[in-house]
Structures are given as structure tokens and as C-alpha cells.
């Protein structure tokens, strides 16, 4: 059953069965489903990554102008096709429920900052499932070394994902000026994306949630780690006034945070995603937060207010039996 009401979309195809299959039968079914899904996703990734790589080479040797812009548009279309193919796998599982709330006024030609809590690598697939073909193609900053990941690295490079050469903590302690070099590297890496529709994704927590990390941080939030402003600060500085607003996403897994294998094999009972649009204060755009204490405080306050609301939303879901962590 599909219900659409003021931006709320639900897919609820769970059926009641009088007979429960033995665990051994379920394990075999999950193994077959997961293997078939991985084969399809791998084939989908390899074929489209190779096509995108060829197109990106042509774009690289084409002077800026109408043809290069057309190739950029087709590369984004291929990226969306890649995500749509992967989403077909997730739509296939009748036992998986999606509870999705998203704004009706998302602009596929817009430029957004996307914020989300982080529990599992499944989060990215869930975000793609919710935003694909409704917002610009989702991109995020990557370490330079990830360009060598087979096929995925080629796809990311073709789609102009920003690859960054980051300095280690030891290097930064020896030479604090390298922090400013990292910021300029990020700005250069994002230069191409300022001219095209884009949704730049960040996980402000910087790492996946766990009880151990939560306790070690002494986090003031019940269901979240403390947000960090560094990555978001890089995006806001790099895009200057090109960003129009933020998409704030909150993901919960009522059955517990799943692994990638559990997702592709159909073992995830429910995924709940809530997305809302938030304005970005113009005073935060294009600002060097490391050299401006007032802007740093303003960004920190903005993030913490969002995280407080997000934590309360997850707590409310927990009261309805729809969350996971604590």
C-alpha cells in the first residue's frame, strides 16, 4: 500500500503468514536473496561506472561550453540510473517497510547541504533511496586514496566527487598552518560543483554511533554523538553563496542498525527516514570558521540546535517503538 499525504510516503507491504518458516529455511532464503542482490548491484555498478568513465574522459578533453555541460547532465542522469537500479533491490523485499517523510518542494536543480545522523553504512543507501530523482544527485567529500576503489572510484571521479588530500593529526600538530591548506584544498575540489545542481552530504558526528563512543564522549544527546563542525564548515566555505538551504535527514532502524549484508539480503524489517528543509544563515556561507571565532560559535550553535531537535525526534520515535540505540 502506498500512501501520499503532504509529503509523507509509506511503503507497507508486510503480510501476515499463518506458517513460520524454520530458521534454516530463512538462512537459505537470505543467502540466496543477498547473493542475487550483490550480483545485480555489482553488475549495475561495473557497467555504469565504465560508461561514466568514458564520458568523463570526453568531458575532460572538451572545452568548457555547451557540449561539456551536456556531458555533465548525462553523467548525473547515469548516476541517478545507478541509484535507481540499486533501489530496485530494496523495493523487491516485501517484508521491508519504509516510513518516509520528505518535503514536497525539493528542487532537482537546486544546491543543498544535506545533514544526517550516522549509524551504519546503510545510511547512504537509505538517503539515496529517499532523495534520488527528487533532489540533485547526492555527493560527498572523499579521501584521495578512495579514488582507487575498483569501479566505484571511477564513478565518483566521473561524477566530480571532491577528493581531498587530508593531513594527519600528527602533521597538523607539527604545523597548524596545514589546517588552512586543507580548507583551500576543499574549496578547489568543490569548484566544479558550484556551477551544477548538487546535494552535498555530511555526517556531522564524523563516525558511526555506538554505545561505547556515546559513553566516551559523554554526549549530551540520548541517541546521537556530538556534532562536529569541521566538515560542514569546509562545505559552507567552499560553496560560498551557492548553497540555498539544508536538507536535515533523520534515520532510525526500529530493528537495530543493520549491516550492508542484512540490507541486501532482506533482513531489515523497517527503515524510517524524516527529511526537513532548513534555511542556512547567509552569515555562515563562505566564512573561514577556523579564523573567525564568532562564525565558529554561530555554526556550533546552529548545529547543536539541529541536533537537539533531532534527538527529541528520535526519542519520540522510540516511544512509538521505532528506534534502536539505547
Protein backbone atom coordinates (compact mmCIF):
# COMPACT_ATOMS: atom_id res chain seq x y z
CA UNK A 1 0.00 0.00 0.00
CA UNK A 2 1.34 3.41 -0.96
CA UNK A 3 0.00 6.46 0.88
CA UNK A 4 0.88 10.01 -0.13
CA UNK A 5 -0.19 12.84 2.15
CA UNK A 6 1.55 16.23 2.39
CA UNK A 7 4.99 14.84 1.64
CA UNK A 8 4.60 11.64 3.66
CA UNK A 9 5.19 8.43 1.71
CA UNK A 10 4.84 4.94 3.07
CA UNK A 11 5.53 1.56 1.61
CA UNK A 12 3.96 -1.09 3.84
CA UNK A 13 3.78 -4.48 2.21
CA UNK A 14 4.25 -6.65 5.26
CA UNK A 15 1.83 -9.54 5.27
CA UNK A 16 0.79 -11.89 8.00
CA UNK A 17 1.51 -15.57 7.41
CA UNK A 18 -0.02 -18.40 9.45
CA UNK A 19 3.09 -20.51 8.90
CA UNK A 20 6.56 -19.50 10.02
CA UNK A 21 9.47 -20.92 8.06
CA UNK A 22 12.18 -22.73 10.06
CA UNK A 23 15.34 -20.76 10.74
CA UNK A 24 17.39 -22.94 8.41
CA UNK A 25 15.00 -22.16 5.55
CA UNK A 26 15.22 -18.44 6.35
CA UNK A 27 19.01 -18.55 6.34
CA UNK A 28 19.00 -20.20 2.93
CA UNK A 29 16.50 -17.66 1.62
CA UNK A 30 18.55 -14.74 2.94
CA UNK A 31 21.73 -16.20 1.45
CA UNK A 32 20.10 -16.60 -1.97
CA UNK A 33 18.48 -13.16 -1.85
CA UNK A 34 21.69 -11.47 -0.73
CA UNK A 35 23.84 -13.23 -3.33
CA UNK A 36 21.43 -12.33 -6.13
CA UNK A 37 21.25 -8.72 -4.92
CA UNK A 38 25.05 -8.42 -4.73
CA UNK A 39 25.41 -9.81 -8.26
CA UNK A 40 22.88 -7.31 -9.60
CA UNK A 41 24.40 -4.35 -7.72
CA UNK A 42 27.92 -5.33 -8.84
CA UNK A 43 26.84 -5.66 -12.49
CA UNK A 44 24.93 -2.36 -12.29
CA UNK A 45 27.97 -0.62 -10.78
CA UNK A 46 30.56 -2.05 -13.19
CA UNK A 47 28.62 -1.32 -16.38
CA UNK A 48 27.55 2.23 -15.47
CA UNK A 49 30.95 3.11 -13.95
CA UNK A 50 32.68 2.15 -17.20
CA UNK A 51 30.21 4.17 -19.28
CA UNK A 52 30.62 7.18 -16.95
CA UNK A 53 34.41 6.84 -17.11
CA UNK A 54 34.39 7.02 -20.91
CA UNK A 55 32.07 10.03 -20.86
CA UNK A 56 34.24 11.76 -18.24
CA UNK A 57 37.30 11.34 -20.46
CA UNK A 58 35.46 13.04 -23.32
CA UNK A 59 34.38 15.79 -20.93
CA UNK A 60 38.00 16.28 -19.85
CA UNK A 61 39.17 16.94 -23.41
CA UNK A 62 36.14 19.09 -24.33
CA UNK A 63 36.43 22.89 -23.90
CA UNK A 64 34.01 24.44 -21.39
CA UNK A 65 30.70 25.19 -23.05
CA UNK A 66 27.51 23.61 -24.34
CA UNK A 67 28.94 20.15 -25.05
CA UNK A 68 30.75 19.87 -21.70
CA UNK A 69 27.59 20.99 -19.88
CA UNK A 70 25.53 18.38 -21.74
CA UNK A 71 28.00 15.65 -20.76
CA UNK A 72 27.74 16.79 -17.13
CA UNK A 73 23.96 16.47 -17.28
CA UNK A 74 24.17 13.00 -18.79
CA UNK A 75 26.66 11.92 -16.14
CA UNK A 76 24.19 12.96 -13.44
CA UNK A 77 21.43 11.06 -15.25
CA UNK A 78 23.64 7.95 -15.27
CA UNK A 79 24.35 8.44 -11.58
CA UNK A 80 20.62 8.57 -10.87
CA UNK A 81 20.11 5.49 -13.05
CA UNK A 82 22.77 3.67 -11.00
CA UNK A 83 20.98 4.55 -7.75
CA UNK A 84 17.59 3.62 -9.26
CA UNK A 85 18.93 0.20 -10.16
CA UNK A 86 20.18 -0.36 -6.62
CA UNK A 87 16.85 0.89 -5.27
CA UNK A 88 15.04 -1.80 -7.28
CA UNK A 89 16.67 -4.36 -4.99
CA UNK A 90 15.37 -2.59 -1.89
CA UNK A 91 11.86 -2.27 -3.33
CA UNK A 92 11.81 -6.00 -4.04
CA UNK A 93 11.66 -7.12 -0.40
CA UNK A 94 8.05 -7.35 0.72
CA UNK A 95 9.00 -7.80 4.37
CA UNK A 96 10.81 -4.42 4.47
CA UNK A 97 8.80 -1.34 5.42
CA UNK A 98 9.80 2.22 4.52
CA UNK A 99 8.32 5.08 6.51
CA UNK A 100 9.39 8.25 4.70
CA UNK A 101 8.63 11.90 5.29
CA UNK A 102 10.20 14.44 2.96
CA UNK A 103 9.49 18.00 1.76
CA UNK A 104 7.32 18.39 -1.30
CA UNK A 105 9.24 21.40 -2.60
CA UNK A 106 12.69 19.87 -3.20
CA UNK A 107 14.27 21.28 -6.36
CA UNK A 108 16.22 18.89 -8.62
CA UNK A 109 18.06 21.93 -9.99
CA UNK A 110 18.93 23.30 -6.55
CA UNK A 111 22.06 23.23 -4.39
CA UNK A 112 21.73 21.79 -0.90
CA UNK A 113 23.75 20.89 2.15
CA UNK A 114 22.50 17.51 3.43
CA UNK A 115 22.91 16.65 7.14
CA UNK A 116 22.20 13.26 8.68
CA UNK A 117 22.83 11.20 11.80
CA UNK A 118 25.14 8.21 11.25
CA UNK A 119 24.67 4.63 12.45
CA UNK A 120 25.59 2.33 9.56
CA UNK A 121 26.92 2.39 6.02
CA UNK A 122 23.32 1.58 5.13
CA UNK A 123 22.58 5.26 5.89
CA UNK A 124 23.95 6.36 2.49
CA UNK A 125 21.79 3.84 0.62
CA UNK A 126 18.74 4.96 2.63
CA UNK A 127 19.47 8.61 1.80
CA UNK A 128 19.84 7.77 -1.89
CA UNK A 129 16.56 5.82 -1.76
CA UNK A 130 14.73 8.85 -0.35
CA UNK A 131 16.33 11.65 -2.42
CA UNK A 132 17.02 10.04 -5.80
CA UNK A 133 15.27 11.92 -8.65
CA UNK A 134 13.68 14.28 -6.12
CA UNK A 135 16.79 16.31 -5.25
CA UNK A 136 20.12 16.80 -7.06
CA UNK A 137 22.44 13.79 -7.16
CA UNK A 138 23.92 13.14 -3.72
CA UNK A 139 27.68 13.78 -3.40
CA UNK A 140 30.15 13.85 -0.52
CA UNK A 141 33.83 14.57 0.11
CA UNK A 142 36.19 11.61 -0.14
CA UNK A 143 39.75 10.82 0.86
CA UNK A 144 42.12 10.92 -2.12
CA UNK A 145 43.01 7.23 -1.66
CA UNK A 146 39.40 6.16 -2.33
CA UNK A 147 39.77 7.05 -6.00
CA UNK A 148 41.48 3.65 -6.36
CA UNK A 149 38.43 1.66 -5.18
CA UNK A 150 37.58 -0.58 -8.17
CA UNK A 151 34.77 0.86 -10.34
CA UNK A 152 33.30 2.96 -7.52
CA UNK A 153 36.36 5.22 -7.58
CA UNK A 154 35.90 5.63 -11.34
CA UNK A 155 32.22 6.50 -10.87
CA UNK A 156 32.98 9.01 -8.10
CA UNK A 157 35.70 10.65 -10.21
CA UNK A 158 33.39 10.83 -13.25
CA UNK A 159 30.67 12.49 -11.17
CA UNK A 160 33.12 15.13 -9.82
CA UNK A 161 33.01 13.96 -6.21
CA UNK A 162 35.52 16.11 -4.28
CA UNK A 163 38.67 14.10 -3.48
CA UNK A 164 40.74 15.60 -0.67
CA UNK A 165 44.34 15.11 0.44
CA UNK A 166 43.99 15.36 4.20
CA UNK A 167 46.83 15.82 6.65
CA UNK A 168 47.23 13.54 9.66
CA UNK A 169 46.73 14.76 13.22
CA UNK A 170 50.49 14.48 13.81
CA UNK A 171 51.21 16.66 10.79
CA UNK A 172 48.67 19.25 11.95
CA UNK A 173 50.19 19.35 15.44
CA UNK A 174 53.64 19.97 13.97
CA UNK A 175 52.38 22.57 11.51
CA UNK A 176 48.97 24.12 12.37
CA UNK A 177 49.07 26.16 9.15
CA UNK A 178 48.25 22.96 7.25
CA UNK A 179 44.66 23.31 8.54
CA UNK A 180 44.21 26.32 6.28
CA UNK A 181 45.71 24.39 3.37
CA UNK A 182 43.10 21.65 3.91
CA UNK A 183 40.39 24.30 3.69
CA UNK A 184 41.74 25.67 0.40
CA UNK A 185 42.09 22.11 -0.97
CA UNK A 186 38.41 21.55 -0.19
CA UNK A 187 37.44 24.80 -1.91
CA UNK A 188 39.34 23.81 -5.08
CA UNK A 189 37.84 20.30 -5.03
CA UNK A 190 34.30 21.75 -4.86
CA UNK A 191 34.85 24.43 -7.51
CA UNK A 192 33.17 22.46 -10.33
CA UNK A 193 30.14 21.60 -8.18
CA UNK A 194 29.27 25.25 -7.54
CA UNK A 195 28.02 25.53 -11.13
CA UNK A 196 25.72 22.47 -11.25
CA UNK A 197 22.79 21.13 -9.19
CA UNK A 198 24.21 19.32 -6.16
CA UNK A 199 23.30 17.87 -2.76
CA UNK A 200 26.46 17.82 -0.61
CA UNK A 201 26.12 15.27 2.17
CA UNK A 202 27.82 15.43 5.59
CA UNK A 203 27.69 13.25 8.69
CA UNK A 204 28.35 15.85 11.42
CA UNK A 205 29.02 13.14 14.02
CA UNK A 206 32.05 12.11 11.97
CA UNK A 207 31.69 8.43 12.85
CA UNK A 208 29.00 5.78 13.30
CA UNK A 209 27.05 5.78 16.54
CA UNK A 210 27.85 3.17 19.18
CA UNK A 211 27.18 2.97 22.90
CA UNK A 212 30.92 2.94 23.60
CA UNK A 213 31.53 6.14 21.62
CA UNK A 214 28.48 7.75 23.19
CA UNK A 215 29.77 6.98 26.69
CA UNK A 216 33.34 8.00 25.86
CA UNK A 217 32.18 11.37 24.54
CA UNK A 218 29.81 11.91 27.46
CA UNK A 219 27.37 13.08 24.77
CA UNK A 220 24.55 15.35 25.98
CA UNK A 221 22.21 13.64 23.50
CA UNK A 222 20.46 10.37 24.19
CA UNK A 223 20.59 8.94 20.66
CA UNK A 224 23.38 10.93 18.98
CA UNK A 225 27.07 11.68 19.21
CA UNK A 226 28.28 15.26 19.46
CA UNK A 227 28.22 17.05 16.08
CA UNK A 228 31.49 18.35 14.66
CA UNK A 229 31.57 21.49 12.57
CA UNK A 230 34.78 20.85 10.55
CA UNK A 231 33.33 19.02 7.53
CA UNK A 232 30.26 21.23 7.33
CA UNK A 233 32.46 24.30 7.70
CA UNK A 234 34.51 23.13 4.70
CA UNK A 235 31.36 22.75 2.57
CA UNK A 236 29.91 26.12 3.59
CA UNK A 237 33.25 27.83 2.93
CA UNK A 238 33.82 26.05 -0.40
CA UNK A 239 30.39 26.72 -1.91
CA UNK A 240 30.13 30.30 -0.62
CA UNK A 241 26.66 31.65 -1.50
CA UNK A 242 25.86 28.84 -3.99
CA UNK A 243 24.01 26.77 -1.35
CA UNK A 244 20.33 27.65 -0.99
CA UNK A 245 19.27 25.59 2.07
CA UNK A 246 19.92 22.46 4.11
CA UNK A 247 18.13 19.10 3.98
CA UNK A 248 18.14 17.74 7.52
CA UNK A 249 17.63 13.95 7.50
CA UNK A 250 17.00 11.69 10.50
CA UNK A 251 17.24 7.91 10.02
CA UNK A 252 16.10 5.30 12.53
CA UNK A 253 16.09 1.50 12.33
CA UNK A 254 13.45 0.00 14.66
CA UNK A 255 15.10 -3.43 14.42
CA UNK A 256 18.59 -2.06 15.19
CA UNK A 257 21.24 -0.53 12.94
CA UNK A 258 21.75 -3.05 10.10
CA UNK A 259 24.81 -4.15 8.17
CA UNK A 260 25.05 -3.87 4.39
CA UNK A 261 24.56 -7.64 4.09
CA UNK A 262 21.40 -7.54 6.20
CA UNK A 263 20.01 -4.83 3.94
CA UNK A 264 20.72 -6.52 0.60
CA UNK A 265 19.55 -9.92 1.85
CA UNK A 266 16.19 -8.55 3.02
CA UNK A 267 16.68 -8.90 6.77
CA UNK A 268 15.82 -5.29 7.70
CA UNK A 269 12.23 -5.06 8.97
CA UNK A 270 11.78 -1.28 8.82
CA UNK A 271 13.62 1.94 7.94
CA UNK A 272 12.25 5.30 9.00
CA UNK A 273 13.52 8.50 7.35
CA UNK A 274 12.41 12.02 8.11
CA UNK A 275 13.72 14.89 5.98
CA UNK A 276 13.03 18.60 6.54
CA UNK A 277 14.30 21.75 4.82
CA UNK A 278 16.19 24.24 6.97
CA UNK A 279 17.41 27.72 5.98
CA UNK A 280 21.14 28.45 6.12
CA UNK A 281 22.10 31.75 7.70
CA UNK A 282 23.84 33.80 4.95
CA UNK A 283 26.42 34.75 7.58
CA UNK A 284 27.66 31.14 7.56
CA UNK A 285 28.35 30.98 3.82
CA UNK A 286 31.88 31.45 2.52
CA UNK A 287 33.32 32.05 6.01
CA UNK A 288 36.66 30.69 7.25
CA UNK A 289 35.46 29.24 10.58
CA UNK A 290 38.96 28.42 11.76
CA UNK A 291 39.99 32.06 11.53
CA UNK A 292 36.71 33.59 12.71
CA UNK A 293 35.77 32.72 16.33
CA UNK A 294 32.37 34.43 16.08
CA UNK A 295 31.40 32.49 12.94
CA UNK A 296 32.66 29.29 14.57
CA UNK A 297 30.41 29.89 17.59
CA UNK A 298 27.46 30.68 15.31
CA UNK A 299 27.95 27.45 13.34
CA UNK A 300 28.36 25.45 16.54
CA UNK A 301 25.13 26.88 17.96
CA UNK A 302 23.26 26.16 14.71
CA UNK A 303 24.41 22.54 14.63
CA UNK A 304 23.68 21.95 18.29
CA UNK A 305 20.13 23.32 17.94
CA UNK A 306 19.51 20.97 14.99
CA UNK A 307 20.98 18.05 16.93
CA UNK A 308 18.77 18.80 19.95
CA UNK A 309 15.66 18.69 17.75
CA UNK A 310 16.90 15.54 16.02
CA UNK A 311 17.49 13.80 19.34
CA UNK A 312 13.99 14.71 20.50
CA UNK A 313 12.52 13.39 17.24
CA UNK A 314 14.36 10.07 17.68
CA UNK A 315 13.20 9.90 21.30
CA UNK A 316 9.61 10.42 20.16
CA UNK A 317 10.05 7.58 17.66
CA UNK A 318 11.44 5.43 20.46
CA UNK A 319 8.22 6.00 22.36
CA UNK A 320 6.38 4.53 19.37
CA UNK A 321 8.68 1.53 19.20
CA UNK A 322 10.52 2.92 16.19
CA UNK A 323 14.15 3.26 17.19
CA UNK A 324 17.11 1.31 18.27
CA UNK A 325 20.08 2.52 20.14
CA UNK A 326 19.84 2.88 23.90
